[in-house]
Amino acid sequence: MIYAGELKHRILIEQEQRTSDGMGGDVTTWQPLGVCWAKLQSGTLKDRLYHGELQHTQMFYFTIRQKQLFCINPQESATLRVAYRGDLYRVVNFEPVVSKDGQAYQDFYVMTCERYGGTASA
């Protein structure tokens, strides 16, 4: 069960938009989808070798209620990022919250995110 009082972190969800730069390439911009309240849980720190570089990563789990003024399509989760307190998080997975007996909580979803470089602009 998720209680409204647990949704106490204000996050901004953005979607990647690619447009042509007129010279055969493209330019990536981030369009805000909306701001919502979320429950934040952090995972453990991990080390991984990625393209020959040792990286330290940490997973974060943002639980949100889908009934917002905007709608998130789970199939487009690879084009999403979360901005929270000046940090940016790449969305790795987006799935419904499931109870212990296998029932999905209506309208609640977990965005599994990974913090990555860069800071959010004000």
PDB file of N, CA and C in Angstrom:
ATOM      1  N   MET A   1       0.837  -1.176   0.000  1.00  0.00           N
ATOM      2  CA  MET A   1       0.000   0.000   0.000  1.00  0.00           C
ATOM      3  C   MET A   1       0.881   1.238   0.000  1.00  0.00           C
ATOM      4  N   ILE A   2       0.512   2.199  -0.783  1.00  0.00           N
ATOM      5  CA  ILE A   2       1.242   3.458  -0.865  1.00  0.00           C
ATOM      6  C   ILE A   2       0.341   4.561  -0.327  1.00  0.00           C
ATOM      7  N   TYR A   3       0.891   5.349   0.580  1.00  0.00           N
ATOM      8  CA  TYR A   3       0.135   6.428   1.188  1.00  0.00           C
ATOM      9  C   TYR A   3       0.554   7.762   0.577  1.00  0.00           C
ATOM     10  N   ALA A   4      -0.371   8.694   0.508  1.00  0.00           N
ATOM     11  CA  ALA A   4      -0.103  10.000  -0.093  1.00  0.00           C
ATOM     12  C   ALA A   4       1.030  10.728   0.627  1.00  0.00           C
ATOM     13  N   GLY A   5       1.170  10.519   1.922  1.00  0.00           N
ATOM     14  CA  GLY A   5       2.234  11.166   2.683  1.00  0.00           C
ATOM     15  C   GLY A   5       3.630  10.721   2.294  1.00  0.00           C
ATOM     16  N   GLU A   6       3.736   9.572   1.641  1.00  0.00           N
ATOM     17  CA  GLU A   6       5.045   9.084   1.197  1.00  0.00           C
ATOM     18  C   GLU A   6       5.530   9.791  -0.068  1.00  0.00           C
ATOM     19  N   LEU A   7       4.620  10.409  -0.799  1.00  0.00           N
ATOM     20  CA  LEU A   7       4.967  11.111  -2.030  1.00  0.00           C
ATOM     21  C   LEU A   7       5.370  12.541  -1.675  1.00  0.00           C
ATOM     22  N   LYS A   8       6.603  12.704  -1.176  1.00  0.00           N
ATOM     23  CA  LYS A   8       7.013  14.004  -0.659  1.00  0.00           C
ATOM     24  C   LYS A   8       8.198  14.628  -1.390  1.00  0.00           C
ATOM     25  N   HIS A   9       8.598  14.057  -2.511  1.00  0.00           N
ATOM     26  CA  HIS A   9       9.707  14.590  -3.292  1.00  0.00           C
ATOM     27  C   HIS A   9       9.161  15.127  -4.613  1.00  0.00           C
ATOM     28  N   ARG A  10       9.420  16.391  -4.888  1.00  0.00           N
ATOM     29  CA  ARG A  10       8.917  17.044  -6.110  1.00  0.00           C
ATOM     30  C   ARG A  10       9.935  16.827  -7.228  1.00  0.00           C
ATOM     31  N   ILE A  11       9.538  16.155  -8.305  1.00  0.00           N
ATOM     32  CA  ILE A  11      10.454  15.842  -9.396  1.00  0.00           C
ATOM     33  C   ILE A  11       9.931  16.411 -10.713  1.00  0.00           C
ATOM     34  N   LEU A  12      10.845  16.635 -11.628  1.00  0.00           N
ATOM     35  CA  LEU A  12      10.514  17.075 -12.975  1.00  0.00           C
ATOM     36  C   LEU A  12      10.842  15.929 -13.925  1.00  0.00           C
ATOM     37  N   ILE A  13       9.886  15.544 -14.746  1.00  0.00           N
ATOM     38  CA  ILE A  13      10.100  14.494 -15.739  1.00  0.00           C
ATOM     39  C   ILE A  13      10.219  15.162 -17.098  1.00  0.00           C
ATOM     40  N   GLU A  14      11.300  14.828 -17.809  1.00  0.00           N
ATOM     41  CA  GLU A  14      11.570  15.411 -19.116  1.00  0.00           C
ATOM     42  C   GLU A  14      11.682  14.313 -20.161  1.00  0.00           C
ATOM     43  N   GLN A  15      11.355  14.654 -21.409  1.00  0.00           N
ATOM     44  CA  GLN A  15      11.447  13.702 -22.514  1.00  0.00           C
ATOM     45  C   GLN A  15      12.408  14.237 -23.568  1.00  0.00           C
ATOM     46  N   GLU A  16      13.219  13.336 -24.095  1.00  0.00           N
ATOM     47  CA  GLU A  16      14.203  13.689 -25.117  1.00  0.00           C
ATOM     48  C   GLU A  16      13.511  13.970 -26.445  1.00  0.00           C
ATOM     49  N   GLN A  17      13.899  15.063 -27.079  1.00  0.00           N
ATOM     50  CA  GLN A  17      13.390  15.425 -28.400  1.00  0.00           C
ATOM     51  C   GLN A  17      14.595  15.636 -29.315  1.00  0.00           C
ATOM     52  N   ARG A  18      14.577  14.987 -30.452  1.00  0.00           N
ATOM     53  CA  ARG A  18      15.659  15.151 -31.423  1.00  0.00           C
ATOM     54  C   ARG A  18      15.126  15.904 -32.635  1.00  0.00           C
ATOM     55  N   THR A  19      15.851  16.944 -33.025  1.00  0.00           N
ATOM     56  CA  THR A  19      15.483  17.715 -34.206  1.00  0.00           C
ATOM     57  C   THR A  19      16.702  17.830 -35.115  1.00  0.00           C
ATOM     58  N   SER A  20      16.455  17.986 -36.392  1.00  0.00           N
ATOM     59  CA  SER A  20      17.530  18.111 -37.370  1.00  0.00           C
ATOM     60  C   SER A  20      18.255  19.436 -37.172  1.00  0.00           C
ATOM     61  N   ASP A  21      19.581  19.395 -37.329  1.00  0.00           N
ATOM     62  CA  ASP A  21      20.347  20.633 -37.228  1.00  0.00           C
ATOM     63  C   ASP A  21      20.565  21.275 -38.593  1.00  0.00           C
ATOM     64  N   GLY A  22      19.995  20.675 -39.649  1.00  0.00           N
ATOM     65  CA  GLY A  22      20.097  21.245 -40.988  1.00  0.00           C
ATOM     66  C   GLY A  22      21.372  20.882 -41.725  1.00  0.00           C
ATOM     67  N   MET A  23      22.270  20.144 -41.075  1.00  0.00           N
ATOM     68  CA  MET A  23      23.530  19.761 -41.714  1.00  0.00           C
ATOM     69  C   MET A  23      23.737  18.247 -41.663  1.00  0.00           C
ATOM     70  N   GLY A  24      22.661  17.492 -41.576  1.00  0.00           N
ATOM     71  CA  GLY A  24      22.755  16.037 -41.570  1.00  0.00           C
ATOM     72  C   GLY A  24      22.826  15.413 -40.190  1.00  0.00           C
ATOM     73  N   GLY A  25      22.935  16.202 -39.172  1.00  0.00           N
ATOM     74  CA  GLY A  25      22.973  15.693 -37.802  1.00  0.00           C
ATOM     75  C   GLY A  25      21.683  16.019 -37.076  1.00  0.00           C
ATOM     76  N   ASP A  26      21.688  15.785 -35.789  1.00  0.00           N
ATOM     77  CA  ASP A  26      20.523  16.156 -35.000  1.00  0.00           C
ATOM     78  C   ASP A  26      20.953  16.782 -33.686  1.00  0.00           C
ATOM     79  N   VAL A  27      20.046  17.515 -33.115  1.00  0.00           N
ATOM     80  CA  VAL A  27      20.254  18.211 -31.850  1.00  0.00           C
ATOM     81  C   VAL A  27      19.281  17.632 -30.837  1.00  0.00           C
ATOM     82  N   THR A  28      19.790  17.311 -29.657  1.00  0.00           N
ATOM     83  CA  THR A  28      18.946  16.768 -28.598  1.00  0.00           C
ATOM     84  C   THR A  28      18.558  17.883 -27.632  1.00  0.00           C
ATOM     85  N   THR A  29      17.274  18.007 -27.389  1.00  0.00           N
ATOM     86  CA  THR A  29      16.771  18.936 -26.379  1.00  0.00           C
ATOM     87  C   THR A  29      15.865  18.148 -25.447  1.00  0.00           C
ATOM     88  N   TRP A  30      15.649  18.664 -24.266  1.00  0.00           N
ATOM     89  CA  TRP A  30      14.797  18.001 -23.276  1.00  0.00           C
ATOM     90  C   TRP A  30      13.564  18.860 -23.024  1.00  0.00           C
ATOM     91  N   GLN A  31      12.408  18.300 -23.310  1.00  0.00           N
ATOM     92  CA  GLN A  31      11.128  18.988 -23.118  1.00  0.00           C
ATOM     93  C   GLN A  31      10.494  18.515 -21.811  1.00  0.00           C
ATOM     94  N   PRO A  32      10.113  19.425 -20.942  1.00  0.00           N
ATOM     95  CA  PRO A  32       9.459  19.010 -19.698  1.00  0.00           C
ATOM     96  C   PRO A  32       8.091  18.393 -19.987  1.00  0.00           C
ATOM     97  N   LEU A  33       7.851  17.222 -19.397  1.00  0.00           N
ATOM     98  CA  LEU A  33       6.519  16.612 -19.462  1.00  0.00           C
ATOM     99  C   LEU A  33       5.649  17.139 -18.333  1.00  0.00           C
ATOM    100  N   GLY A  34       6.250  17.264 -17.166  1.00  0.00           N
ATOM    101  CA  GLY A  34       5.497  17.770 -16.028  1.00  0.00           C
ATOM    102  C   GLY A  34       6.235  17.563 -14.723  1.00  0.00           C
ATOM    103  N   VAL A  35       5.686  18.157 -13.701  1.00  0.00           N
ATOM    104  CA  VAL A  35       6.217  18.056 -12.352  1.00  0.00           C
ATOM    105  C   VAL A  35       5.234  17.238 -11.531  1.00  0.00           C
ATOM    106  N   CYS A  36       5.747  16.340 -10.703  1.00  0.00           N
ATOM    107  CA  CYS A  36       4.857  15.523  -9.877  1.00  0.00           C
ATOM    108  C   CYS A  36       5.539  15.184  -8.555  1.00  0.00           C
ATOM    109  N   TRP A  37       4.755  14.658  -7.655  1.00  0.00           N
ATOM    110  CA  TRP A  37       5.246  14.221  -6.355  1.00  0.00           C
ATOM    111  C   TRP A  37       5.640  12.753  -6.462  1.00  0.00           C
ATOM    112  N   ALA A  38       6.723  12.380  -5.763  1.00  0.00           N
ATOM    113  CA  ALA A  38       7.218  11.015  -5.844  1.00  0.00           C
ATOM    114  C   ALA A  38       7.746  10.549  -4.489  1.00  0.00           C
ATOM    115  N   LYS A  39       7.762   9.252  -4.334  1.00  0.00           N
ATOM    116  CA  LYS A  39       8.436   8.616  -3.201  1.00  0.00           C
ATOM    117  C   LYS A  39       9.807   8.193  -3.715  1.00  0.00           C
ATOM    118  N   LEU A  40      10.860   8.529  -2.984  1.00  0.00           N
ATOM    119  CA  LEU A  40      12.224   8.246  -3.428  1.00  0.00           C
ATOM    120  C   LEU A  40      12.852   7.186  -2.541  1.00  0.00           C
ATOM    121  N   GLN A  41      13.429   6.170  -3.187  1.00  0.00           N
ATOM    122  CA  GLN A  41      14.203   5.150  -2.493  1.00  0.00           C
ATOM    123  C   GLN A  41      15.513   4.996  -3.249  1.00  0.00           C
ATOM    124  N   SER A  42      16.601   4.837  -2.518  1.00  0.00           N
ATOM    125  CA  SER A  42      17.895   4.670  -3.183  1.00  0.00           C
ATOM    126  C   SER A  42      18.355   3.228  -3.049  1.00  0.00           C
ATOM    127  N   GLY A  43      19.071   2.783  -4.067  1.00  0.00           N
ATOM    128  CA  GLY A  43      19.611   1.430  -4.079  1.00  0.00           C
ATOM    129  C   GLY A  43      21.067   1.450  -3.639  1.00  0.00           C
ATOM    130  N   THR A  44      21.727   0.318  -3.829  1.00  0.00           N
ATOM    131  CA  THR A  44      23.120   0.206  -3.432  1.00  0.00           C
ATOM    132  C   THR A  44      24.040   0.735  -4.524  1.00  0.00           C
ATOM    133  N   LEU A  45      25.236   1.105  -4.118  1.00  0.00           N
ATOM    134  CA  LEU A  45      26.251   1.546  -5.068  1.00  0.00           C
ATOM    135  C   LEU A  45      26.828   0.334  -5.779  1.00  0.00           C
ATOM    136  N   LYS A  46      27.098   0.479  -7.078  1.00  0.00           N
ATOM    137  CA  LYS A  46      27.671  -0.610  -7.862  1.00  0.00           C
ATOM    138  C   LYS A  46      28.809  -0.076  -8.717  1.00  0.00           C
ATOM    139  N   ASP A  47      29.736  -0.949  -9.022  1.00  0.00           N
ATOM    140  CA  ASP A  47      30.785  -0.646  -9.984  1.00  0.00           C
ATOM    141  C   ASP A  47      30.523  -1.471 -11.226  1.00  0.00           C
ATOM    142  N   ARG A  48      30.746  -0.880 -12.384  1.00  0.00           N
ATOM    143  CA  ARG A  48      30.606  -1.621 -13.633  1.00  0.00           C
ATOM    144  C   ARG A  48      31.616  -1.107 -14.632  1.00  0.00           C
ATOM    145  N   LEU A  49      31.976  -1.990 -15.551  1.00  0.00           N
ATOM    146  CA  LEU A  49      32.864  -1.623 -16.633  1.00  0.00           C
ATOM    147  C   LEU A  49      32.003  -1.329 -17.845  1.00  0.00           C
ATOM    148  N   TYR A  50      32.034  -0.100 -18.322  1.00  0.00           N
ATOM    149  CA  TYR A  50      31.175   0.326 -19.418  1.00  0.00           C
ATOM    150  C   TYR A  50      32.032   1.003 -20.466  1.00  0.00           C
ATOM    151  N   HIS A  51      32.108   0.430 -21.641  1.00  0.00           N
ATOM    152  CA  HIS A  51      32.947   0.938 -22.739  1.00  0.00           C
ATOM    153  C   HIS A  51      34.382   1.170 -22.282  1.00  0.00           C
ATOM    154  N   GLY A  52      34.916   0.218 -21.520  1.00  0.00           N
ATOM    155  CA  GLY A  52      36.304   0.293 -21.080  1.00  0.00           C
ATOM    156  C   GLY A  52      36.557   1.258 -19.945  1.00  0.00           C
ATOM    157  N   GLU A  53      35.500   1.790 -19.349  1.00  0.00           N
ATOM    158  CA  GLU A  53      35.653   2.758 -18.262  1.00  0.00           C
ATOM    159  C   GLU A  53      34.953   2.222 -17.021  1.00  0.00           C
ATOM    160  N   LEU A  54      35.643   2.265 -15.887  1.00  0.00           N
ATOM    161  CA  LEU A  54      35.034   1.833 -14.635  1.00  0.00           C
ATOM    162  C   LEU A  54      34.108   2.934 -14.126  1.00  0.00           C
ATOM    163  N   GLN A  55      32.843   2.596 -13.931  1.00  0.00           N
ATOM    164  CA  GLN A  55      31.863   3.581 -13.473  1.00  0.00           C
ATOM    165  C   GLN A  55      31.267   3.160 -12.140  1.00  0.00           C
ATOM    166  N   HIS A  56      30.980   4.138 -11.330  1.00  0.00           N
ATOM    167  CA  HIS A  56      30.287   3.913 -10.067  1.00  0.00           C
ATOM    168  C   HIS A  56      28.850   4.373 -10.274  1.00  0.00           C
ATOM    169  N   THR A  57      27.903   3.488 -10.090  1.00  0.00           N
ATOM    170  CA  THR A  57      26.509   3.838 -10.330  1.00  0.00           C
ATOM    171  C   THR A  57      25.679   3.543  -9.083  1.00  0.00           C
ATOM    172  N   GLN A  58      24.567   4.220  -9.002  1.00  0.00           N
ATOM    173  CA  GLN A  58      23.618   3.978  -7.932  1.00  0.00           C
ATOM    174  C   GLN A  58      22.222   4.081  -8.513  1.00  0.00           C
ATOM    175  N   MET A  59      21.384   3.119  -8.183  1.00  0.00           N
ATOM    176  CA  MET A  59      20.018   3.105  -8.679  1.00  0.00           C
ATOM    177  C   MET A  59      19.124   3.865  -7.698  1.00  0.00           C
ATOM    178  N   PHE A  60      18.159   4.584  -8.261  1.00  0.00           N
ATOM    179  CA  PHE A  60      17.161   5.303  -7.479  1.00  0.00           C
ATOM    180  C   PHE A  60      15.790   4.898  -7.993  1.00  0.00           C
ATOM    181  N   TYR A  61      14.828   4.806  -7.091  1.00  0.00           N
ATOM    182  CA  TYR A  61      13.483   4.373  -7.449  1.00  0.00           C
ATOM    183  C   TYR A  61      12.504   5.488  -7.079  1.00  0.00           C
ATOM    184  N   PHE A  62      11.871   6.057  -8.097  1.00  0.00           N
ATOM    185  CA  PHE A  62      10.881   7.106  -7.907  1.00  0.00           C
ATOM    186  C   PHE A  62       9.508   6.482  -8.123  1.00  0.00           C
ATOM    187  N   THR A  63       8.693   6.428  -7.080  1.00  0.00           N
ATOM    188  CA  THR A  63       7.327   5.930  -7.193  1.00  0.00           C
ATOM    189  C   THR A  63       6.423   7.131  -7.406  1.00  0.00           C
ATOM    190  N   ILE A  64       5.664   7.101  -8.500  1.00  0.00           N
ATOM    191  CA  ILE A  64       4.784   8.219  -8.822  1.00  0.00           C
ATOM    192  C   ILE A  64       3.365   7.713  -9.040  1.00  0.00           C
ATOM    193  N   ARG A  65       2.441   8.627  -8.995  1.00  0.00           N
ATOM    194  CA  ARG A  65       1.066   8.324  -9.352  1.00  0.00           C
ATOM    195  C   ARG A  65       0.851   8.779 -10.782  1.00  0.00           C
ATOM    196  N   GLN A  66       0.352   7.916 -11.628  1.00  0.00           N
ATOM    197  CA  GLN A  66       0.230   8.210 -13.048  1.00  0.00           C
ATOM    198  C   GLN A  66      -0.867   9.227 -13.352  1.00  0.00           C
ATOM    199  N   LYS A  67      -1.830   9.387 -12.476  1.00  0.00           N
ATOM    200  CA  LYS A  67      -2.912  10.345 -12.736  1.00  0.00           C
ATOM    201  C   LYS A  67      -2.386  11.763 -12.545  1.00  0.00           C
ATOM    202  N   GLN A  68      -1.742  12.272 -13.564  1.00  0.00           N
ATOM    203  CA  GLN A  68      -1.205  13.618 -13.569  1.00  0.00           C
ATOM    204  C   GLN A  68      -1.855  14.357 -14.735  1.00  0.00           C
ATOM    205  N   LEU A  69      -1.432  15.572 -14.969  1.00  0.00           N
ATOM    206  CA  LEU A  69      -1.891  16.309 -16.139  1.00  0.00           C
ATOM    207  C   LEU A  69      -1.185  15.826 -17.399  1.00  0.00           C
ATOM    208  N   PHE A  70      -0.220  14.950 -17.227  1.00  0.00           N
ATOM    209  CA  PHE A  70       0.503  14.369 -18.347  1.00  0.00           C
ATOM    210  C   PHE A  70       0.513  12.856 -18.178  1.00  0.00           C
ATOM    211  N   CYS A  71       0.800  12.147 -19.233  1.00  0.00           N
ATOM    212  CA  CYS A  71       0.803  10.692 -19.198  1.00  0.00           C
ATOM    213  C   CYS A  71       2.144  10.178 -19.708  1.00  0.00           C
ATOM    214  N   ILE A  72       2.680   9.174 -19.043  1.00  0.00           N
ATOM    215  CA  ILE A  72       3.950   8.583 -19.440  1.00  0.00           C
ATOM    216  C   ILE A  72       3.685   7.244 -20.099  1.00  0.00           C
ATOM    217  N   ASN A  73       4.259   7.040 -21.264  1.00  0.00           N
ATOM    218  CA  ASN A  73       4.143   5.780 -21.980  1.00  0.00           C
ATOM    219  C   ASN A  73       5.328   4.900 -21.582  1.00  0.00           C
ATOM    220  N   PRO A  74       5.086   3.724 -20.979  1.00  0.00           N
ATOM    221  CA  PRO A  74       6.195   2.862 -20.553  1.00  0.00           C
ATOM    222  C   PRO A  74       7.128   2.458 -21.696  1.00  0.00           C
ATOM    223  N   GLN A  75       6.620   2.405 -22.922  1.00  0.00           N
ATOM    224  CA  GLN A  75       7.466   2.014 -24.052  1.00  0.00           C
ATOM    225  C   GLN A  75       8.447   3.116 -24.435  1.00  0.00           C
ATOM    226  N   GLU A  76       8.209   4.320 -23.992  1.00  0.00           N
ATOM    227  CA  GLU A  76       9.107   5.432 -24.290  1.00  0.00           C
ATOM    228  C   GLU A  76       9.997   5.798 -23.108  1.00  0.00           C
ATOM    229  N   SER A  77      10.126   4.893 -22.140  1.00  0.00           N
ATOM    230  CA  SER A  77      10.884   5.223 -20.935  1.00  0.00           C
ATOM    231  C   SER A  77      12.364   5.470 -21.216  1.00  0.00           C
ATOM    232  N   ALA A  78      12.893   4.943 -22.319  1.00  0.00           N
ATOM    233  CA  ALA A  78      14.299   5.171 -22.655  1.00  0.00           C
ATOM    234  C   ALA A  78      14.557   6.618 -23.054  1.00  0.00           C
ATOM    235  N   THR A  79      13.519   7.368 -23.366  1.00  0.00           N
ATOM    236  CA  THR A  79      13.679   8.769 -23.767  1.00  0.00           C
ATOM    237  C   THR A  79      13.368   9.727 -22.622  1.00  0.00           C
ATOM    238  N   LEU A  80      13.256   9.215 -21.406  1.00  0.00           N
ATOM    239  CA  LEU A  80      12.892  10.046 -20.258  1.00  0.00           C
ATOM    240  C   LEU A  80      14.077  10.246 -19.326  1.00  0.00           C
ATOM    241  N   ARG A  81      14.036  11.339 -18.603  1.00  0.00           N
ATOM    242  CA  ARG A  81      14.956  11.559 -17.501  1.00  0.00           C
ATOM    243  C   ARG A  81      14.220  12.314 -16.405  1.00  0.00           C
ATOM    244  N   VAL A  82      14.764  12.225 -15.205  1.00  0.00           N
ATOM    245  CA  VAL A  82      14.181  12.877 -14.039  1.00  0.00           C
ATOM    246  C   VAL A  82      15.187  13.896 -13.517  1.00  0.00           C
ATOM    247  N   ALA A  83      14.710  15.087 -13.223  1.00  0.00           N
ATOM    248  CA  ALA A  83      15.526  16.118 -12.588  1.00  0.00           C
ATOM    249  C   ALA A  83      15.006  16.285 -11.159  1.00  0.00           C
ATOM    250  N   TYR A  84      15.920  16.136 -10.201  1.00  0.00           N
ATOM    251  CA  TYR A  84      15.537  16.248  -8.796  1.00  0.00           C
ATOM    252  C   TYR A  84      16.692  16.863  -8.020  1.00  0.00           C
ATOM    253  N   ARG A  85      16.453  18.000  -7.412  1.00  0.00           N
ATOM    254  CA  ARG A  85      17.424  18.712  -6.584  1.00  0.00           C
ATOM    255  C   ARG A  85      18.766  18.930  -7.283  1.00  0.00           C
ATOM    256  N   GLY A  86      18.705  19.321  -8.548  1.00  0.00           N
ATOM    257  CA  GLY A  86      19.919  19.638  -9.279  1.00  0.00           C
ATOM    258  C   GLY A  86      20.621  18.453  -9.905  1.00  0.00           C
ATOM    259  N   ASP A  87      20.143  17.231  -9.675  1.00  0.00           N
ATOM    260  CA  ASP A  87      20.744  16.047 -10.272  1.00  0.00           C
ATOM    261  C   ASP A  87      19.837  15.504 -11.366  1.00  0.00           C
ATOM    262  N   LEU A  88      20.456  14.843 -12.341  1.00  0.00           N
ATOM    263  CA  LEU A  88      19.713  14.229 -13.430  1.00  0.00           C
ATOM    264  C   LEU A  88      19.791  12.715 -13.312  1.00  0.00           C
ATOM    265  N   TYR A  89      18.692  12.054 -13.604  1.00  0.00           N
ATOM    266  CA  TYR A  89      18.596  10.602 -13.494  1.00  0.00           C
ATOM    267  C   TYR A  89      18.058  10.045 -14.807  1.00  0.00           C
ATOM    268  N   ARG A  90      18.769   9.081 -15.369  1.00  0.00           N
ATOM    269  CA  ARG A  90      18.332   8.410 -16.598  1.00  0.00           C
ATOM    270  C   ARG A  90      17.340   7.325 -16.216  1.00  0.00           C
ATOM    271  N   VAL A  91      16.183   7.297 -16.867  1.00  0.00           N
ATOM    272  CA  VAL A  91      15.159   6.290 -16.573  1.00  0.00           C
ATOM    273  C   VAL A  91      15.573   4.982 -17.233  1.00  0.00           C
ATOM    274  N   VAL A  92      15.713   3.945 -16.421  1.00  0.00           N
ATOM    275  CA  VAL A  92      16.114   2.623 -16.898  1.00  0.00           C
ATOM    276  C   VAL A  92      14.896   1.740 -17.120  1.00  0.00           C
ATOM    277  N   ASN A  93      13.902   1.877 -16.252  1.00  0.00           N
ATOM    278  CA  ASN A  93      12.711   1.034 -16.330  1.00  0.00           C
ATOM    279  C   ASN A  93      11.520   1.799 -15.763  1.00  0.00           C
ATOM    280  N   PHE A  94      10.344   1.472 -16.254  1.00  0.00           N
ATOM    281  CA  PHE A  94       9.099   2.104 -15.810  1.00  0.00           C
ATOM    282  C   PHE A  94       8.049   1.010 -15.757  1.00  0.00           C
ATOM    283  N   GLU A  95       7.557   0.694 -14.555  1.00  0.00           N
ATOM    284  CA  GLU A  95       6.624  -0.415 -14.409  1.00  0.00           C
ATOM    285  C   GLU A  95       5.634  -0.147 -13.283  1.00  0.00           C
ATOM    286  N   PRO A  96       4.471  -0.824 -13.315  1.00  0.00           N
ATOM    287  CA  PRO A  96       3.488  -0.623 -12.250  1.00  0.00           C
ATOM    288  C   PRO A  96       3.982  -1.199 -10.929  1.00  0.00           C
ATOM    289  N   VAL A  97       3.517  -0.602  -9.831  1.00  0.00           N
ATOM    290  CA  VAL A  97       3.825  -1.110  -8.494  1.00  0.00           C
ATOM    291  C   VAL A  97       2.955  -2.336  -8.267  1.00  0.00           C
ATOM    292  N   VAL A  98       3.580  -3.421  -7.815  1.00  0.00           N
ATOM    293  CA  VAL A  98       2.874  -4.679  -7.602  1.00  0.00           C
ATOM    294  C   VAL A  98       2.952  -5.044  -6.127  1.00  0.00           C
ATOM    295  N   SER A  99       1.823  -5.452  -5.552  1.00  0.00           N
ATOM    296  CA  SER A  99       1.787  -5.860  -4.150  1.00  0.00           C
ATOM    297  C   SER A  99       2.356  -7.269  -3.993  1.00  0.00           C
ATOM    298  N   LYS A 100       2.483  -7.723  -2.760  1.00  0.00           N
ATOM    299  CA  LYS A 100       3.051  -9.045  -2.486  1.00  0.00           C
ATOM    300  C   LYS A 100       2.210 -10.178  -3.056  1.00  0.00           C
ATOM    301  N   ASP A 101       0.917  -9.962  -3.195  1.00  0.00           N
ATOM    302  CA  ASP A 101       0.052 -11.014  -3.740  1.00  0.00           C
ATOM    303  C   ASP A 101      -0.076 -10.926  -5.265  1.00  0.00           C
ATOM    304  N   GLY A 102       0.720 -10.063  -5.905  1.00  0.00           N
ATOM    305  CA  GLY A 102       0.755  -9.991  -7.360  1.00  0.00           C
ATOM    306  C   GLY A 102      -0.216  -9.019  -7.991  1.00  0.00           C
ATOM    307  N   GLN A 103      -0.988  -8.308  -7.197  1.00  0.00           N
ATOM    308  CA  GLN A 103      -1.934  -7.335  -7.717  1.00  0.00           C
ATOM    309  C   GLN A 103      -1.242  -5.985  -7.919  1.00  0.00           C
ATOM    310  N   ALA A 104      -1.540  -5.338  -9.034  1.00  0.00           N
ATOM    311  CA  ALA A 104      -0.956  -4.018  -9.309  1.00  0.00           C
ATOM    312  C   ALA A 104      -1.758  -2.951  -8.574  1.00  0.00           C
ATOM    313  N   TYR A 105      -1.039  -2.022  -7.928  1.00  0.00           N
ATOM    314  CA  TYR A 105      -1.704  -0.881  -7.311  1.00  0.00           C
ATOM    315  C   TYR A 105      -2.148   0.045  -8.427  1.00  0.00           C
ATOM    316  N   GLN A 106      -3.387   0.416  -8.401  1.00  0.00           N
ATOM    317  CA  GLN A 106      -3.945   1.237  -9.466  1.00  0.00           C
ATOM    318  C   GLN A 106      -3.277   2.605  -9.508  1.00  0.00           C
ATOM    319  N   ASP A 107      -2.807   2.991 -10.686  1.00  0.00           N
ATOM    320  CA  ASP A 107      -2.246   4.309 -10.976  1.00  0.00           C
ATOM    321  C   ASP A 107      -0.865   4.578 -10.378  1.00  0.00           C
ATOM    322  N   PHE A 108      -0.220   3.629  -9.712  1.00  0.00           N
ATOM    323  CA  PHE A 108       1.108   3.870  -9.147  1.00  0.00           C
ATOM    324  C   PHE A 108       2.161   3.124  -9.955  1.00  0.00           C
ATOM    325  N   TYR A 109       3.250   3.826 -10.267  1.00  0.00           N
ATOM    326  CA  TYR A 109       4.321   3.261 -11.080  1.00  0.00           C
ATOM    327  C   TYR A 109       5.673   3.574 -10.444  1.00  0.00           C
ATOM    328  N   VAL A 110       6.634   2.707 -10.701  1.00  0.00           N
ATOM    329  CA  VAL A 110       8.001   2.920 -10.234  1.00  0.00           C
ATOM    330  C   VAL A 110       8.885   3.205 -11.437  1.00  0.00           C
ATOM    331  N   MET A 111       9.614   4.317 -11.358  1.00  0.00           N
ATOM    332  CA  MET A 111      10.627   4.628 -12.361  1.00  0.00           C
ATOM    333  C   MET A 111      11.975   4.275 -11.755  1.00  0.00           C
ATOM    334  N   THR A 112      12.606   3.256 -12.302  1.00  0.00           N
ATOM    335  CA  THR A 112      13.942   2.879 -11.867  1.00  0.00           C
ATOM    336  C   THR A 112      14.919   3.756 -12.634  1.00  0.00           C
ATOM    337  N   CYS A 113      15.745   4.493 -11.907  1.00  0.00           N
ATOM    338  CA  CYS A 113      16.624   5.477 -12.530  1.00  0.00           C
ATOM    339  C   CYS A 113      18.059   5.273 -12.073  1.00  0.00           C
ATOM    340  N   GLU A 114      18.953   5.832 -12.862  1.00  0.00           N
ATOM    341  CA  GLU A 114      20.369   5.784 -12.575  1.00  0.00           C
ATOM    342  C   GLU A 114      20.901   7.205 -12.672  1.00  0.00           C
ATOM    343  N   ARG A 115      21.596   7.637 -11.627  1.00  0.00           N
ATOM    344  CA  ARG A 115      22.140   8.993 -11.651  1.00  0.00           C
ATOM    345  C   ARG A 115      23.293   9.038 -12.642  1.00  0.00           C
ATOM    346  N   TYR A 116      23.337  10.079 -13.438  1.00  0.00           N
ATOM    347  CA  TYR A 116      24.451  10.231 -14.365  1.00  0.00           C
ATOM    348  C   TYR A 116      24.935  11.667 -14.384  1.00  0.00           C
ATOM    349  N   GLY A 117      26.021  11.910 -15.075  1.00  0.00           N
ATOM    350  CA  GLY A 117      26.692  13.204 -15.047  1.00  0.00           C
ATOM    351  C   GLY A 117      25.815  14.367 -15.474  1.00  0.00           C
ATOM    352  N   GLY A 118      26.224  15.537 -15.034  1.00  0.00           N
ATOM    353  CA  GLY A 118      25.495  16.752 -15.373  1.00  0.00           C
ATOM    354  C   GLY A 118      24.618  17.190 -14.234  1.00  0.00           C
ATOM    355  N   THR A 119      24.267  18.421 -14.256  1.00  0.00           N
ATOM    356  CA  THR A 119      23.338  18.950 -13.263  1.00  0.00           C
ATOM    357  C   THR A 119      22.201  19.640 -13.981  1.00  0.00           C
ATOM    358  N   ALA A 120      21.077  19.678 -13.350  1.00  0.00           N
ATOM    359  CA  ALA A 120      19.903  20.320 -13.941  1.00  0.00           C
ATOM    360  C   ALA A 120      20.043  21.827 -13.816  1.00  0.00           C
ATOM    361  N   SER A 121      19.658  22.514 -14.853  1.00  0.00           N
ATOM    362  CA  SER A 121      19.672  23.970 -14.777  1.00  0.00           C
ATOM    363  C   SER A 121      18.428  24.444 -14.041  1.00  0.00           C
ATOM    364  N   ALA A 122      18.531  25.574 -13.379  1.00  0.00           N
ATOM    365  CA  ALA A 122      17.429  26.084 -12.580  1.00  0.00           C
ATOM    366  C   ALA A 122      16.233  26.258 -13.447  1.00  0.00           C
TER     367      ALA A 122
END
